[in-house]
Amino acid sequence: MVLRNRKSCMPETTTTMYVCTVGSDDLYDCVKQQKVMACFRAWEDWAIYSSEYLINLQNLFLGLVATKDHGQLSVSCHVV
């Protein structure tokens, strides 16, 4: 049940991560992007999510597709 609840919020979370790192030349943000992509690969290896679902999340994270809810994405990101 927890996995199902987590799966429903993953597209929004992934899109927010994309918005927070897009256009940044910061090395730290580049490393974060690589770590997120490594998580996608691990989830695929472990068969946690279907390949189709993971491809959709990767495309959202890379900004290759827009979400249904957001035409123009505007999210404020605060580093704590």
PDB file of N, CA and C in Angstrom:
ATOM      1  N   MET A   1       0.810  -1.186   0.000  1.00  0.00           N
ATOM      2  CA  MET A   1       0.000   0.000   0.000  1.00  0.00           C
ATOM      3  C   MET A   1       0.860   1.259   0.000  1.00  0.00           C
ATOM      4  N   VAL A   2       1.954   1.260   0.752  1.00  0.00           N
ATOM      5  CA  VAL A   2       2.841   2.412   0.781  1.00  0.00           C
ATOM      6  C   VAL A   2       3.425   2.656  -0.601  1.00  0.00           C
ATOM      7  N   LEU A   3       3.818   1.593  -1.288  1.00  0.00           N
ATOM      8  CA  LEU A   3       4.379   1.726  -2.622  1.00  0.00           C
ATOM      9  C   LEU A   3       3.360   2.324  -3.583  1.00  0.00           C
ATOM     10  N   ARG A   4       2.096   1.928  -3.466  1.00  0.00           N
ATOM     11  CA  ARG A   4       1.052   2.468  -4.329  1.00  0.00           C
ATOM     12  C   ARG A   4       0.877   3.965  -4.070  1.00  0.00           C
ATOM     13  N   ASN A   5       0.860   4.381  -2.798  1.00  0.00           N
ATOM     14  CA  ASN A   5       0.725   5.797  -2.463  1.00  0.00           C
ATOM     15  C   ASN A   5       1.918   6.594  -2.956  1.00  0.00           C
ATOM     16  N   ARG A   6       3.087   6.034  -2.825  1.00  0.00           N
ATOM     17  CA  ARG A   6       4.303   6.701  -3.288  1.00  0.00           C
ATOM     18  C   ARG A   6       4.283   6.835  -4.803  1.00  0.00           C
ATOM     19  N   LYS A   7       3.793   5.823  -5.492  1.00  0.00           N
ATOM     20  CA  LYS A   7       3.769   5.842  -6.948  1.00  0.00           C
ATOM     21  C   LYS A   7       2.871   6.957  -7.466  1.00  0.00           C
ATOM     22  N   SER A   8       1.796   7.266  -6.762  1.00  0.00           N
ATOM     23  CA  SER A   8       0.876   8.288  -7.244  1.00  0.00           C
ATOM     24  C   SER A   8       1.474   9.695  -7.194  1.00  0.00           C
ATOM     25  N   CYS A   9       2.436   9.926  -6.305  1.00  0.00           N
ATOM     26  CA  CYS A   9       3.028  11.265  -6.219  1.00  0.00           C
ATOM     27  C   CYS A   9       4.371  11.371  -6.946  1.00  0.00           C
ATOM     28  N   MET A  10       4.866  10.284  -7.494  1.00  0.00           N
ATOM     29  CA  MET A  10       6.177  10.299  -8.155  1.00  0.00           C
ATOM     30  C   MET A  10       6.252  11.244  -9.364  1.00  0.00           C
ATOM     31  N   PRO A  11       5.248  11.292 -10.246  1.00  0.00           N
ATOM     32  CA  PRO A  11       5.364  12.220 -11.378  1.00  0.00           C
ATOM     33  C   PRO A  11       5.511  13.685 -10.940  1.00  0.00           C
ATOM     34  N   GLU A  12       4.743  14.097  -9.958  1.00  0.00           N
ATOM     35  CA  GLU A  12       4.840  15.481  -9.481  1.00  0.00           C
ATOM     36  C   GLU A  12       6.195  15.739  -8.828  1.00  0.00           C
ATOM     37  N   THR A  13       6.668  14.788  -8.045  1.00  0.00           N
ATOM     38  CA  THR A  13       7.967  14.921  -7.389  1.00  0.00           C
ATOM     39  C   THR A  13       9.086  14.985  -8.421  1.00  0.00           C
ATOM     40  N   THR A  14       9.014  14.142  -9.423  1.00  0.00           N
ATOM     41  CA  THR A  14      10.028  14.112 -10.468  1.00  0.00           C
ATOM     42  C   THR A  14      10.044  15.423 -11.253  1.00  0.00           C
ATOM     43  N   THR A  15       8.873  15.959 -11.550  1.00  0.00           N
ATOM     44  CA  THR A  15       8.777  17.234 -12.268  1.00  0.00           C
ATOM     45  C   THR A  15       9.358  18.361 -11.418  1.00  0.00           C
ATOM     46  N   THR A  16       9.098  18.346 -10.137  1.00  0.00           N
ATOM     47  CA  THR A  16       9.646  19.367  -9.245  1.00  0.00           C
ATOM     48  C   THR A  16      11.168  19.292  -9.202  1.00  0.00           C
ATOM     49  N   MET A  17      11.712  18.082  -9.180  1.00  0.00           N
ATOM     50  CA  MET A  17      13.169  17.928  -9.203  1.00  0.00           C
ATOM     51  C   MET A  17      13.742  18.488 -10.494  1.00  0.00           C
ATOM     52  N   TYR A  18      13.059  18.266 -11.600  1.00  0.00           N
ATOM     53  CA  TYR A  18      13.515  18.820 -12.883  1.00  0.00           C
ATOM     54  C   TYR A  18      13.536  20.344 -12.827  1.00  0.00           C
ATOM     55  N   VAL A  19      12.453  20.947 -12.347  1.00  0.00           N
ATOM     56  CA  VAL A  19      12.352  22.402 -12.294  1.00  0.00           C
ATOM     57  C   VAL A  19      13.458  22.982 -11.424  1.00  0.00           C
ATOM     58  N   CYS A  20      13.798  22.304 -10.348  1.00  0.00           N
ATOM     59  CA  CYS A  20      14.823  22.801  -9.427  1.00  0.00           C
ATOM     60  C   CYS A  20      16.233  22.718  -9.997  1.00  0.00           C
ATOM     61  N   THR A  21      16.457  21.854 -10.959  1.00  0.00           N
ATOM     62  CA  THR A  21      17.821  21.686 -11.479  1.00  0.00           C
ATOM     63  C   THR A  21      17.994  22.170 -12.915  1.00  0.00           C
ATOM     64  N   VAL A  22      16.899  22.522 -13.596  1.00  0.00           N
ATOM     65  CA  VAL A  22      16.998  22.909 -15.000  1.00  0.00           C
ATOM     66  C   VAL A  22      17.785  24.217 -15.145  1.00  0.00           C
ATOM     67  N   GLY A  23      18.633  24.242 -16.130  1.00  0.00           N
ATOM     68  CA  GLY A  23      19.373  25.447 -16.459  1.00  0.00           C
ATOM     69  C   GLY A  23      20.497  25.784 -15.496  1.00  0.00           C
ATOM     70  N   SER A  24      20.784  24.928 -14.568  1.00  0.00           N
ATOM     71  CA  SER A  24      21.839  25.207 -13.608  1.00  0.00           C
ATOM     72  C   SER A  24      23.168  24.676 -14.131  1.00  0.00           C
ATOM     73  N   ASP A  25      24.179  25.510 -14.029  1.00  0.00           N
ATOM     74  CA  ASP A  25      25.522  25.084 -14.406  1.00  0.00           C
ATOM     75  C   ASP A  25      26.313  24.630 -13.184  1.00  0.00           C
ATOM     76  N   ASP A  26      25.657  24.641 -12.053  1.00  0.00           N
ATOM     77  CA  ASP A  26      26.294  24.269 -10.795  1.00  0.00           C
ATOM     78  C   ASP A  26      26.687  22.790 -10.818  1.00  0.00           C
ATOM     79  N   LEU A  27      27.907  22.504 -10.467  1.00  0.00           N
ATOM     80  CA  LEU A  27      28.405  21.127 -10.445  1.00  0.00           C
ATOM     81  C   LEU A  27      27.598  20.276  -9.472  1.00  0.00           C
ATOM     82  N   TYR A  28      27.195  20.869  -8.354  1.00  0.00           N
ATOM     83  CA  TYR A  28      26.404  20.146  -7.363  1.00  0.00           C
ATOM     84  C   TYR A  28      25.084  19.673  -7.968  1.00  0.00           C
ATOM     85  N   ASP A  29      24.421  20.526  -8.760  1.00  0.00           N
ATOM     86  CA  ASP A  29      23.166  20.134  -9.404  1.00  0.00           C
ATOM     87  C   ASP A  29      23.399  19.036 -10.433  1.00  0.00           C
ATOM     88  N   CYS A  30      24.526  19.086 -11.114  1.00  0.00           N
ATOM     89  CA  CYS A  30      24.860  18.040 -12.088  1.00  0.00           C
ATOM     90  C   CYS A  30      25.032  16.693 -11.380  1.00  0.00           C
ATOM     91  N   VAL A  31      25.679  16.720 -10.245  1.00  0.00           N
ATOM     92  CA  VAL A  31      25.868  15.488  -9.472  1.00  0.00           C
ATOM     93  C   VAL A  31      24.524  14.966  -8.988  1.00  0.00           C
ATOM     94  N   LYS A  32      23.637  15.877  -8.535  1.00  0.00           N
ATOM     95  CA  LYS A  32      22.302  15.463  -8.097  1.00  0.00           C
ATOM     96  C   LYS A  32      21.553  14.794  -9.241  1.00  0.00           C
ATOM     97  N   GLN A  33      21.652  15.356 -10.447  1.00  0.00           N
ATOM     98  CA  GLN A  33      20.975  14.758 -11.603  1.00  0.00           C
ATOM     99  C   GLN A  33      21.489  13.355 -11.860  1.00  0.00           C
ATOM    100  N   GLN A  34      22.790  13.162 -11.768  1.00  0.00           N
ATOM    101  CA  GLN A  34      23.369  11.839 -11.983  1.00  0.00           C
ATOM    102  C   GLN A  34      22.880  10.851 -10.928  1.00  0.00           C
ATOM    103  N   LYS A  35      22.749  11.304  -9.695  1.00  0.00           N
ATOM    104  CA  LYS A  35      22.271  10.424  -8.629  1.00  0.00           C
ATOM    105  C   LYS A  35      20.808  10.033  -8.838  1.00  0.00           C
ATOM    106  N   VAL A  36      19.999  10.977  -9.292  1.00  0.00           N
ATOM    107  CA  VAL A  36      18.592  10.670  -9.568  1.00  0.00           C
ATOM    108  C   VAL A  36      18.504   9.651 -10.701  1.00  0.00           C
ATOM    109  N   MET A  37      19.289   9.829 -11.751  1.00  0.00           N
ATOM    110  CA  MET A  37      19.280   8.877 -12.866  1.00  0.00           C
ATOM    111  C   MET A  37      19.763   7.502 -12.394  1.00  0.00           C
ATOM    112  N   ALA A  38      20.717   7.469 -11.471  1.00  0.00           N
ATOM    113  CA  ALA A  38      21.179   6.193 -10.911  1.00  0.00           C
ATOM    114  C   ALA A  38      20.053   5.504 -10.139  1.00  0.00           C
ATOM    115  N   CYS A  39      19.223   6.287  -9.468  1.00  0.00           N
ATOM    116  CA  CYS A  39      18.068   5.707  -8.763  1.00  0.00           C
ATOM    117  C   CYS A  39      17.103   5.073  -9.757  1.00  0.00           C
ATOM    118  N   PHE A  40      16.846   5.755 -10.858  1.00  0.00           N
ATOM    119  CA  PHE A  40      15.965   5.187 -11.885  1.00  0.00           C
ATOM    120  C   PHE A  40      16.507   3.855 -12.387  1.00  0.00           C
ATOM    121  N   ARG A  41      17.830   3.810 -12.630  1.00  0.00           N
ATOM    122  CA  ARG A  41      18.439   2.566 -13.106  1.00  0.00           C
ATOM    123  C   ARG A  41      18.310   1.452 -12.070  1.00  0.00           C
ATOM    124  N   ALA A  42      18.533   1.800 -10.792  1.00  0.00           N
ATOM    125  CA  ALA A  42      18.415   0.793  -9.727  1.00  0.00           C
ATOM    126  C   ALA A  42      16.980   0.289  -9.629  1.00  0.00           C
ATOM    127  N   TRP A  43      16.013   1.193  -9.694  1.00  0.00           N
ATOM    128  CA  TRP A  43      14.610   0.774  -9.625  1.00  0.00           C
ATOM    129  C   TRP A  43      14.264  -0.152 -10.786  1.00  0.00           C
ATOM    130  N   GLU A  44      14.854   0.121 -11.944  1.00  0.00           N
ATOM    131  CA  GLU A  44      14.610  -0.753 -13.096  1.00  0.00           C
ATOM    132  C   GLU A  44      15.242  -2.127 -12.856  1.00  0.00           C
ATOM    133  N   ASP A  45      16.479  -2.155 -12.358  1.00  0.00           N
ATOM    134  CA  ASP A  45      17.160  -3.421 -12.072  1.00  0.00           C
ATOM    135  C   ASP A  45      16.408  -4.240 -11.028  1.00  0.00           C
ATOM    136  N   TRP A  46      15.865  -3.557 -10.037  1.00  0.00           N
ATOM    137  CA  TRP A  46      15.162  -4.244  -8.957  1.00  0.00           C
ATOM    138  C   TRP A  46      13.709  -4.538  -9.303  1.00  0.00           C
ATOM    139  N   ALA A  47      13.261  -4.079 -10.450  1.00  0.00           N
ATOM    140  CA  ALA A  47      11.879  -4.289 -10.913  1.00  0.00           C
ATOM    141  C   ALA A  47      10.850  -3.736  -9.923  1.00  0.00           C
ATOM    142  N   ILE A  48      11.178  -2.599  -9.315  1.00  0.00           N
ATOM    143  CA  ILE A  48      10.249  -1.961  -8.377  1.00  0.00           C
ATOM    144  C   ILE A  48       9.066  -1.368  -9.131  1.00  0.00           C
ATOM    145  N   TYR A  49       9.355  -0.712 -10.244  1.00  0.00           N
ATOM    146  CA  TYR A  49       8.319  -0.109 -11.088  1.00  0.00           C
ATOM    147  C   TYR A  49       8.463  -0.689 -12.492  1.00  0.00           C
ATOM    148  N   SER A  50       7.411  -0.607 -13.262  1.00  0.00           N
ATOM    149  CA  SER A  50       7.466  -1.107 -14.639  1.00  0.00           C
ATOM    150  C   SER A  50       8.398  -0.220 -15.471  1.00  0.00           C
ATOM    151  N   SER A  51       8.957  -0.779 -16.517  1.00  0.00           N
ATOM    152  CA  SER A  51       9.853  -0.031 -17.399  1.00  0.00           C
ATOM    153  C   SER A  51       9.146   1.170 -18.014  1.00  0.00           C
ATOM    154  N   GLU A  52       7.907   0.982 -18.408  1.00  0.00           N
ATOM    155  CA  GLU A  52       7.134   2.072 -19.018  1.00  0.00           C
ATOM    156  C   GLU A  52       6.975   3.240 -18.036  1.00  0.00           C
ATOM    157  N   TYR A  53       6.667   2.933 -16.781  1.00  0.00           N
ATOM    158  CA  TYR A  53       6.488   3.961 -15.761  1.00  0.00           C
ATOM    159  C   TYR A  53       7.804   4.696 -15.500  1.00  0.00           C
ATOM    160  N   LEU A  54       8.911   3.943 -15.418  1.00  0.00           N
ATOM    161  CA  LEU A  54      10.212   4.557 -15.181  1.00  0.00           C
ATOM    162  C   LEU A  54      10.646   5.443 -16.344  1.00  0.00           C
ATOM    163  N   ILE A  55      10.359   5.031 -17.554  1.00  0.00           N
ATOM    164  CA  ILE A  55      10.695   5.848 -18.721  1.00  0.00           C
ATOM    165  C   ILE A  55       9.935   7.168 -18.652  1.00  0.00           C
ATOM    166  N   ASN A  56       8.662   7.097 -18.252  1.00  0.00           N
ATOM    167  CA  ASN A  56       7.879   8.319 -18.104  1.00  0.00           C
ATOM    168  C   ASN A  56       8.489   9.235 -17.038  1.00  0.00           C
ATOM    169  N   LEU A  57       8.894   8.672 -15.902  1.00  0.00           N
ATOM    170  CA  LEU A  57       9.517   9.473 -14.853  1.00  0.00           C
ATOM    171  C   LEU A  57      10.833  10.091 -15.323  1.00  0.00           C
ATOM    172  N   GLN A  58      11.629   9.318 -16.043  1.00  0.00           N
ATOM    173  CA  GLN A  58      12.894   9.840 -16.563  1.00  0.00           C
ATOM    174  C   GLN A  58      12.641  10.981 -17.534  1.00  0.00           C
ATOM    175  N   ASN A  59      11.656  10.833 -18.393  1.00  0.00           N
ATOM    176  CA  ASN A  59      11.333  11.888 -19.342  1.00  0.00           C
ATOM    177  C   ASN A  59      10.858  13.151 -18.623  1.00  0.00           C
ATOM    178  N   LEU A  60      10.079  12.990 -17.568  1.00  0.00           N
ATOM    179  CA  LEU A  60       9.661  14.140 -16.765  1.00  0.00           C
ATOM    180  C   LEU A  60      10.868  14.807 -16.117  1.00  0.00           C
ATOM    181  N   PHE A  61      11.755  14.009 -15.555  1.00  0.00           N
ATOM    182  CA  PHE A  61      12.933  14.551 -14.880  1.00  0.00           C
ATOM    183  C   PHE A  61      13.859  15.277 -15.854  1.00  0.00           C
ATOM    184  N   LEU A  62      13.963  14.774 -17.047  1.00  0.00           N
ATOM    185  CA  LEU A  62      14.830  15.395 -18.046  1.00  0.00           C
ATOM    186  C   LEU A  62      14.142  16.540 -18.792  1.00  0.00           C
ATOM    187  N   GLY A  63      12.857  16.742 -18.506  1.00  0.00           N
ATOM    188  CA  GLY A  63      12.122  17.831 -19.147  1.00  0.00           C
ATOM    189  C   GLY A  63      11.724  17.544 -20.576  1.00  0.00           C
ATOM    190  N   LEU A  64      11.667  16.272 -20.937  1.00  0.00           N
ATOM    191  CA  LEU A  64      11.328  15.893 -22.312  1.00  0.00           C
ATOM    192  C   LEU A  64       9.827  15.884 -22.562  1.00  0.00           C
ATOM    193  N   VAL A  65       9.045  15.803 -21.502  1.00  0.00           N
ATOM    194  CA  VAL A  65       7.588  15.848 -21.616  1.00  0.00           C
ATOM    195  C   VAL A  65       7.042  16.773 -20.534  1.00  0.00           C
ATOM    196  N   ALA A  66       5.906  17.369 -20.812  1.00  0.00           N
ATOM    197  CA  ALA A  66       5.244  18.212 -19.817  1.00  0.00           C
ATOM    198  C   ALA A  66       4.202  17.376 -19.089  1.00  0.00           C
ATOM    199  N   THR A  67       3.898  17.768 -17.880  1.00  0.00           N
ATOM    200  CA  THR A  67       2.851  17.076 -17.148  1.00  0.00           C
ATOM    201  C   THR A  67       1.495  17.589 -17.589  1.00  0.00           C
ATOM    202  N   LYS A  68       0.464  16.833 -17.324  1.00  0.00           N
ATOM    203  CA  LYS A  68      -0.893  17.243 -17.689  1.00  0.00           C
ATOM    204  C   LYS A  68      -1.323  18.462 -16.883  1.00  0.00           C
ATOM    205  N   ASP A  69      -0.856  18.548 -15.645  1.00  0.00           N
ATOM    206  CA  ASP A  69      -1.290  19.623 -14.756  1.00  0.00           C
ATOM    207  C   ASP A  69      -0.534  20.927 -14.969  1.00  0.00           C
ATOM    208  N   HIS A  70       0.641  20.850 -15.555  1.00  0.00           N
ATOM    209  CA  HIS A  70       1.471  22.046 -15.676  1.00  0.00           C
ATOM    210  C   HIS A  70       1.813  22.320 -17.132  1.00  0.00           C
ATOM    211  N   GLY A  71       1.265  23.390 -17.683  1.00  0.00           N
ATOM    212  CA  GLY A  71       1.698  23.825 -18.999  1.00  0.00           C
ATOM    213  C   GLY A  71       3.044  24.503 -18.847  1.00  0.00           C
ATOM    214  N   GLN A  72       3.045  25.578 -18.083  1.00  0.00           N
ATOM    215  CA  GLN A  72       4.274  26.252 -17.720  1.00  0.00           C
ATOM    216  C   GLN A  72       4.562  25.881 -16.274  1.00  0.00           C
ATOM    217  N   LEU A  73       5.728  25.384 -16.015  1.00  0.00           N
ATOM    218  CA  LEU A  73       6.072  24.952 -14.675  1.00  0.00           C
ATOM    219  C   LEU A  73       6.692  26.114 -13.911  1.00  0.00           C
ATOM    220  N   SER A  74       6.143  26.410 -12.772  1.00  0.00           N
ATOM    221  CA  SER A  74       6.753  27.436 -11.913  1.00  0.00           C
ATOM    222  C   SER A  74       6.744  26.913 -10.491  1.00  0.00           C
ATOM    223  N   VAL A  75       7.891  26.493 -10.066  1.00  0.00           N
ATOM    224  CA  VAL A  75       8.042  25.952  -8.725  1.00  0.00           C
ATOM    225  C   VAL A  75       9.209  26.694  -8.086  1.00  0.00           C
ATOM    226  N   SER A  76       9.038  27.132  -6.878  1.00  0.00           N
ATOM    227  CA  SER A  76      10.142  27.783  -6.219  1.00  0.00           C
ATOM    228  C   SER A  76      10.920  26.736  -5.436  1.00  0.00           C
ATOM    229  N   CYS A  77      12.217  26.761  -5.583  1.00  0.00           N
ATOM    230  CA  CYS A  77      13.070  25.779  -4.940  1.00  0.00           C
ATOM    231  C   CYS A  77      13.943  26.473  -3.913  1.00  0.00           C
ATOM    232  N   HIS A  78      13.930  25.932  -2.732  1.00  0.00           N
ATOM    233  CA  HIS A  78      14.738  26.502  -1.661  1.00  0.00           C
ATOM    234  C   HIS A  78      15.689  25.422  -1.156  1.00  0.00           C
ATOM    235  N   VAL A  79      16.961  25.756  -1.150  1.00  0.00           N
ATOM    236  CA  VAL A  79      17.965  24.833  -0.636  1.00  0.00           C
ATOM    237  C   VAL A  79      18.078  25.057   0.852  1.00  0.00           C
ATOM    238  N   VAL A  80      17.964  23.994   1.602  1.00  0.00           N
ATOM    239  CA  VAL A  80      18.041  24.112   3.060  1.00  0.00           C
ATOM    240  C   VAL A  80      19.362  23.574   3.530  1.00  0.00           C
TER     241      VAL A  80
END
